[in-house]
């Protein structure tokens, strides 16, 4: 029995199926990939369901036999949603109020994080306490005072209501990004900065040539999260930008009303009236820019998440 267990052929079969110290076996890999596929399906199933239903014609929606595979490739829902959302104009407005504040917020947060990580000054614990307070207090508690201040400054209805706070380090959830950069710059060896100072380098030169390249993962993570949060934020944008700028999420929130204005029930036939397929096509058009951004930056985003050690949401 012992000879059979230690037979080289048996060891090879066991290593192939179960694995050994050098590599994983096929059974382990199969179980791992099955688990990952199951978890992935849980997250992708709502997106797939929305995309499939957005391609259904009115006849397919009324047919209980049609579930996951439509009988035809119907793009009429996207055509109507494109018109209702006023897509070319609203997507440019959405990019303006999400990309520009995100870029400014990321850069300013890196400056603040670097200063907190590298310099000693009086009141540093107080600054950290204020940062935590700005993160803990919900924005709903301060929105009235902000709105009154922006109204006195003439910023209501203008993208500057979101751009200026980001430029001053008070953008949406700026405290999180400052702490991310603080943690990233804390791990930077001080020997590099001391050597640069001995060579006559200024603080700005050290920051741009040594600190910024080393914190590239933090920059990528902060920019992506900031863009997504600014894009999906409807509460603050509807208050600060109402009457001036209309974003895709804002237009989607009043999708039914805009659809009824373009396609009145008494004018269009029953097949062109608002249905679930049209709503899902409008929702998919709303998240499409974020999906494209993620697929383009996927490789750098995953690597940055692993290097910065944050989980995201």
Protein backbone atom coordinates (compact mmCIF):
# COMPACT_ATOMS: atom_id res chain seq x y z
CA UNK A 1 0.00 0.00 0.00
CA UNK A 2 2.86 2.39 0.83
CA UNK A 3 4.54 1.67 -2.50
CA UNK A 4 1.35 2.55 -4.36
CA UNK A 5 1.00 5.87 -2.51
CA UNK A 6 4.61 6.85 -3.27
CA UNK A 7 4.54 5.67 -6.86
CA UNK A 8 5.85 8.42 -9.19
CA UNK A 9 2.86 8.02 -11.49
CA UNK A 10 0.46 8.38 -8.57
CA UNK A 11 2.34 11.47 -7.40
CA UNK A 12 2.06 13.02 -10.87
CA UNK A 13 -1.68 12.33 -11.06
CA UNK A 14 -2.17 13.72 -7.56
CA UNK A 15 -0.17 16.82 -8.41
CA UNK A 16 -2.14 17.29 -11.62
CA UNK A 17 -5.51 16.97 -9.90
CA UNK A 18 -4.92 18.37 -6.40
CA UNK A 19 -1.66 20.25 -6.84
CA UNK A 20 1.54 20.54 -4.86
CA UNK A 21 3.86 23.21 -3.49
CA UNK A 22 4.96 24.27 -6.98
CA UNK A 23 1.60 24.73 -8.67
CA UNK A 24 -2.14 24.42 -8.16
CA UNK A 25 -4.03 21.37 -9.32
CA UNK A 26 -6.80 21.31 -11.90
CA UNK A 27 -9.42 20.59 -9.23
CA UNK A 28 -8.40 23.64 -7.23
CA UNK A 29 -8.32 25.84 -10.36
CA UNK A 30 -11.72 24.56 -11.49
CA UNK A 31 -13.27 25.28 -8.10
CA UNK A 32 -11.62 28.72 -7.98
CA UNK A 33 -12.81 29.74 -11.45
CA UNK A 34 -16.30 28.39 -10.77
CA UNK A 35 -16.48 30.55 -7.63
CA UNK A 36 -15.20 33.63 -9.49
CA UNK A 37 -17.68 33.09 -12.33
CA UNK A 38 -20.53 32.73 -9.84
CA UNK A 39 -19.54 35.94 -8.03
CA UNK A 40 -19.07 37.74 -11.33
CA UNK A 41 -22.49 36.65 -12.53
CA UNK A 42 -24.10 38.03 -9.38
CA UNK A 43 -22.65 41.46 -10.17
CA UNK A 44 -23.13 41.31 -13.95
CA UNK A 45 -26.61 39.78 -14.02
CA UNK A 46 -28.47 43.09 -13.40
CA UNK A 47 -26.38 44.81 -16.08
CA UNK A 48 -26.98 42.00 -18.58
CA UNK A 49 -30.68 41.94 -17.74
CA UNK A 50 -30.93 45.69 -18.32
CA UNK A 51 -29.01 45.53 -21.61
CA UNK A 52 -31.03 42.59 -22.99
CA UNK A 53 -34.36 44.16 -22.08
CA UNK A 54 -33.32 47.48 -23.58
CA UNK A 55 -33.01 45.70 -26.97
CA UNK A 56 -36.51 44.21 -26.84
CA UNK A 57 -39.20 45.45 -29.17
CA UNK A 58 -42.71 46.15 -27.80
CA UNK A 59 -43.81 42.77 -29.19
CA UNK A 60 -41.03 40.98 -27.27
CA UNK A 61 -41.96 42.79 -24.06
CA UNK A 62 -45.53 41.52 -24.38
CA UNK A 63 -44.42 37.98 -25.25
CA UNK A 64 -43.85 35.93 -22.04
CA UNK A 65 -41.81 33.38 -24.03
CA UNK A 66 -39.06 35.93 -24.77
CA UNK A 67 -36.69 36.16 -21.82
CA UNK A 68 -32.94 36.50 -22.46
CA UNK A 69 -32.77 36.40 -26.26
CA UNK A 70 -34.87 38.96 -28.20
CA UNK A 71 -36.39 37.85 -31.47
CA UNK A 72 -34.82 40.84 -33.24
CA UNK A 73 -32.17 43.49 -32.68
CA UNK A 74 -34.39 46.46 -31.90
CA UNK A 75 -32.64 49.83 -31.46
CA UNK A 76 -35.74 51.99 -31.38
CA UNK A 77 -35.56 52.24 -27.58
CA UNK A 78 -32.08 53.75 -27.78
CA UNK A 79 -33.13 56.18 -30.49
CA UNK A 80 -35.96 57.53 -28.34
CA UNK A 81 -33.81 57.59 -25.18
CA UNK A 82 -31.09 59.42 -27.09
CA UNK A 83 -33.60 62.14 -27.97
CA UNK A 84 -35.19 62.30 -24.53
CA UNK A 85 -31.85 62.61 -22.74
CA UNK A 86 -30.59 65.18 -25.25
CA UNK A 87 -27.50 63.01 -25.16
CA UNK A 88 -24.81 65.07 -26.98
CA UNK A 89 -25.42 68.16 -24.86
CA UNK A 90 -25.97 66.45 -21.52
CA UNK A 91 -22.94 64.17 -21.84
CA UNK A 92 -20.71 67.20 -22.44
CA UNK A 93 -22.21 68.89 -19.38
CA UNK A 94 -21.71 65.72 -17.33
CA UNK A 95 -18.07 65.49 -18.37
CA UNK A 96 -17.57 69.15 -17.48
CA UNK A 97 -18.95 68.80 -13.94
CA UNK A 98 -17.25 65.44 -13.28
CA UNK A 99 -13.88 65.34 -15.06
CA UNK A 100 -12.76 68.91 -14.36
CA UNK A 101 -13.51 68.85 -10.59
CA UNK A 102 -11.99 65.36 -10.37
CA UNK A 103 -8.73 66.47 -11.98
CA UNK A 104 -8.49 69.54 -9.74
CA UNK A 105 -9.51 67.63 -6.63
CA UNK A 106 -6.96 64.88 -7.26
CA UNK A 107 -4.09 67.34 -7.72
CA UNK A 108 -5.03 69.52 -4.73
CA UNK A 109 -5.57 66.47 -2.51
CA UNK A 110 -2.09 65.25 -3.43
CA UNK A 111 -0.60 68.60 -2.41
CA UNK A 112 -2.41 68.56 0.93
CA UNK A 113 -1.54 64.90 1.53
CA UNK A 114 2.11 65.54 0.75
CA UNK A 115 2.25 68.51 3.11
CA UNK A 116 0.70 66.52 5.94
CA UNK A 117 3.01 63.57 5.36
CA UNK A 118 6.30 65.45 4.97
CA UNK A 119 6.14 68.64 7.03
CA UNK A 120 5.80 69.33 10.73
CA UNK A 121 3.82 72.39 11.74
CA UNK A 122 1.71 73.66 14.59
CA UNK A 123 -1.91 72.54 14.49
CA UNK A 124 -1.34 69.43 12.41
CA UNK A 125 -3.63 67.26 14.62
CA UNK A 126 -6.30 69.94 14.29
CA UNK A 127 -6.08 69.73 10.50
CA UNK A 128 -6.58 65.96 10.66
CA UNK A 129 -9.55 66.44 12.96
CA UNK A 130 -11.13 68.94 10.57
CA UNK A 131 -10.59 66.53 7.68
CA UNK A 132 -12.36 63.76 9.54
CA UNK A 133 -15.20 66.11 10.45
CA UNK A 134 -15.74 67.09 6.82
CA UNK A 135 -15.97 63.40 5.96
CA UNK A 136 -18.20 62.36 8.86
CA UNK A 137 -20.75 65.18 8.59
CA UNK A 138 -23.25 64.37 5.80
CA UNK A 139 -23.42 66.95 3.01
CA UNK A 140 -27.17 67.29 3.61
CA UNK A 141 -26.37 69.09 6.88
CA UNK A 142 -24.31 71.79 5.20
CA UNK A 143 -26.06 72.12 1.84
CA UNK A 144 -28.29 75.04 2.95
CA UNK A 145 -25.37 77.19 4.08
CA UNK A 146 -23.46 76.28 0.93
CA UNK A 147 -26.41 77.17 -1.27
CA UNK A 148 -26.83 80.55 0.43
CA UNK A 149 -23.11 81.26 0.07
CA UNK A 150 -23.08 80.28 -3.60
CA UNK A 151 -26.17 82.40 -4.23
CA UNK A 152 -24.48 85.46 -2.70
CA UNK A 153 -21.43 84.80 -4.87
CA UNK A 154 -23.53 84.27 -7.99
CA UNK A 155 -22.37 80.68 -8.48
CA UNK A 156 -25.73 78.88 -8.47
CA UNK A 157 -26.45 77.31 -11.85
CA UNK A 158 -22.79 77.50 -12.86
CA UNK A 159 -20.21 74.67 -13.03
CA UNK A 160 -18.00 76.87 -10.85
CA UNK A 161 -20.17 75.81 -7.90
CA UNK A 162 -18.45 72.41 -8.16
CA UNK A 163 -15.12 73.43 -9.67
CA UNK A 164 -14.09 76.10 -7.13
CA UNK A 165 -14.55 73.88 -4.02
CA UNK A 166 -12.52 71.15 -5.72
CA UNK A 167 -9.79 73.70 -6.51
CA UNK A 168 -9.69 74.74 -2.83
CA UNK A 169 -9.53 71.16 -1.47
CA UNK A 170 -13.20 71.07 -0.45
CA UNK A 171 -14.59 68.96 -3.26
CA UNK A 172 -16.90 66.00 -2.93
CA UNK A 173 -15.34 63.55 -0.41
CA UNK A 174 -11.96 65.27 -0.64
CA UNK A 175 -10.98 63.98 2.81
CA UNK A 176 -10.79 60.41 1.52
CA UNK A 177 -8.38 61.35 -1.24
CA UNK A 178 -6.21 63.44 1.07
CA UNK A 179 -5.87 60.45 3.41
CA UNK A 180 -5.03 58.18 0.46
CA UNK A 181 -2.22 60.50 -0.63
CA UNK A 182 -1.09 60.95 2.97
CA UNK A 183 -0.71 57.20 3.35
CA UNK A 184 1.06 56.93 -0.01
CA UNK A 185 3.56 59.71 0.69
CA UNK A 186 4.23 58.41 4.22
CA UNK A 187 5.74 55.23 2.75
CA UNK A 188 8.10 57.23 0.52
CA UNK A 189 11.71 56.93 1.79
CA UNK A 190 12.98 60.22 3.17
CA UNK A 191 16.47 59.41 1.92
CA UNK A 192 15.40 60.27 -1.62
CA UNK A 193 14.23 63.74 -0.61
CA UNK A 194 17.30 64.38 1.53
CA UNK A 195 19.59 63.42 -1.35
CA UNK A 196 17.70 65.74 -3.70
CA UNK A 197 17.97 68.62 -1.22
CA UNK A 198 21.72 68.08 -0.96
CA UNK A 199 21.85 68.50 -4.74
CA UNK A 200 20.04 71.83 -4.45
CA UNK A 201 16.53 70.71 -5.42
CA UNK A 202 13.61 72.82 -4.26
CA UNK A 203 10.53 71.45 -2.51
CA UNK A 204 8.41 71.87 -5.63
CA UNK A 205 10.98 70.05 -7.77
CA UNK A 206 11.13 67.19 -5.24
CA UNK A 207 7.35 66.93 -5.23
CA UNK A 208 7.03 66.85 -9.01
CA UNK A 209 9.96 64.56 -9.79
CA UNK A 210 10.05 62.20 -6.79
CA UNK A 211 6.72 62.25 -4.94
CA UNK A 212 4.33 62.39 -7.90
CA UNK A 213 5.79 59.43 -9.85
CA UNK A 214 5.88 57.28 -6.72
CA UNK A 215 2.20 58.07 -5.97
CA UNK A 216 0.90 57.31 -9.47
CA UNK A 217 -1.38 54.47 -8.21
CA UNK A 218 -2.96 56.86 -5.71
CA UNK A 219 -3.54 59.39 -8.50
CA UNK A 220 -5.31 56.82 -10.68
CA UNK A 221 -7.50 55.50 -7.88
CA UNK A 222 -8.42 58.98 -6.67
CA UNK A 223 -9.26 60.25 -10.14
CA UNK A 224 -11.47 57.28 -11.03
CA UNK A 225 -13.37 57.28 -7.74
CA UNK A 226 -13.76 61.04 -7.81
CA UNK A 227 -15.11 60.95 -11.39
CA UNK A 228 -17.61 58.21 -10.58
CA UNK A 229 -18.83 59.98 -7.43
CA UNK A 230 -19.18 63.33 -9.17
CA UNK A 231 -20.95 61.66 -12.10
CA UNK A 232 -23.48 59.80 -9.94
CA UNK A 233 -24.13 62.66 -7.51
CA UNK A 234 -27.59 64.03 -8.13
CA UNK A 235 -28.47 65.62 -4.79
CA UNK A 236 -25.83 68.36 -4.80
CA UNK A 237 -25.83 68.90 -8.56
CA UNK A 238 -29.60 69.30 -8.68
CA UNK A 239 -29.33 72.04 -6.03
CA UNK A 240 -26.21 73.86 -7.20
CA UNK A 241 -26.67 73.49 -10.98
CA UNK A 242 -30.47 73.63 -11.36
CA UNK A 243 -31.45 76.06 -14.09
CA UNK A 244 -27.95 76.31 -15.52
CA UNK A 245 -26.40 72.94 -16.33
CA UNK A 246 -28.16 69.61 -16.89
CA UNK A 247 -26.23 66.36 -16.47
CA UNK A 248 -27.16 62.87 -17.58
CA UNK A 249 -28.17 61.66 -14.07
CA UNK A 250 -30.29 64.80 -13.62
CA UNK A 251 -31.98 64.26 -16.97
CA UNK A 252 -32.49 60.59 -16.18
CA UNK A 253 -34.23 61.48 -12.90
CA UNK A 254 -36.92 63.32 -14.88
CA UNK A 255 -36.88 60.86 -17.78
CA UNK A 256 -40.60 60.04 -17.63
CA UNK A 257 -41.65 63.69 -17.76
CA UNK A 258 -39.28 64.48 -20.64
CA UNK A 259 -40.50 61.41 -22.53
CA UNK A 260 -44.13 62.43 -22.16
CA UNK A 261 -43.25 65.88 -23.50
CA UNK A 262 -41.64 64.43 -26.64
CA UNK A 263 -44.09 61.56 -27.10
CA UNK A 264 -47.52 62.64 -25.78
CA UNK A 265 -49.83 59.67 -25.06
CA UNK A 266 -52.59 61.07 -27.27
CA UNK A 267 -50.31 61.53 -30.26
CA UNK A 268 -48.10 58.42 -30.48
CA UNK A 269 -49.38 54.87 -30.80
CA UNK A 270 -49.31 52.35 -27.97
CA UNK A 271 -46.00 50.82 -29.10
CA UNK A 272 -44.13 54.12 -28.78
CA UNK A 273 -45.32 54.89 -25.27
CA UNK A 274 -43.01 54.75 -22.30
CA UNK A 275 -42.15 51.18 -21.23
CA UNK A 276 -39.48 49.35 -19.26
CA UNK A 277 -37.29 48.82 -22.31
CA UNK A 278 -37.07 52.55 -22.97
CA UNK A 279 -36.25 53.24 -19.30
CA UNK A 280 -33.52 50.60 -19.30
CA UNK A 281 -32.01 51.94 -22.51
CA UNK A 282 -31.88 55.40 -20.95
CA UNK A 283 -30.22 53.99 -17.83
CA UNK A 284 -27.69 52.10 -19.92
CA UNK A 285 -26.83 55.26 -21.88
CA UNK A 286 -26.29 57.00 -18.55
CA UNK A 287 -23.73 54.49 -17.26
CA UNK A 288 -22.12 53.82 -20.66
CA UNK A 289 -19.38 56.53 -20.28
CA UNK A 290 -18.38 55.10 -16.89
CA UNK A 291 -18.18 51.58 -18.34
CA UNK A 292 -15.99 52.81 -21.20
CA UNK A 293 -13.72 54.66 -18.76
CA UNK A 294 -13.39 51.57 -16.57
CA UNK A 295 -12.58 49.24 -19.47
CA UNK A 296 -9.96 51.67 -20.78
CA UNK A 297 -8.31 52.13 -17.36
CA UNK A 298 -9.03 48.64 -16.03
CA UNK A 299 -5.43 47.42 -15.98
CA UNK A 300 -4.03 50.47 -14.20
CA UNK A 301 -7.05 50.66 -11.89
CA UNK A 302 -6.65 47.07 -10.61
CA UNK A 303 -2.91 47.49 -10.14
CA UNK A 304 -3.47 50.77 -8.31
CA UNK A 305 -6.05 49.21 -5.99
CA UNK A 306 -3.56 46.48 -5.06
CA UNK A 307 -0.75 48.96 -4.43
CA UNK A 308 -2.78 51.46 -2.43
CA UNK A 309 -4.57 48.78 -0.41
CA UNK A 310 -8.07 50.25 -0.49
CA UNK A 311 -11.25 48.35 -1.28
CA UNK A 312 -13.43 51.03 -2.85
CA UNK A 313 -17.23 50.88 -3.00
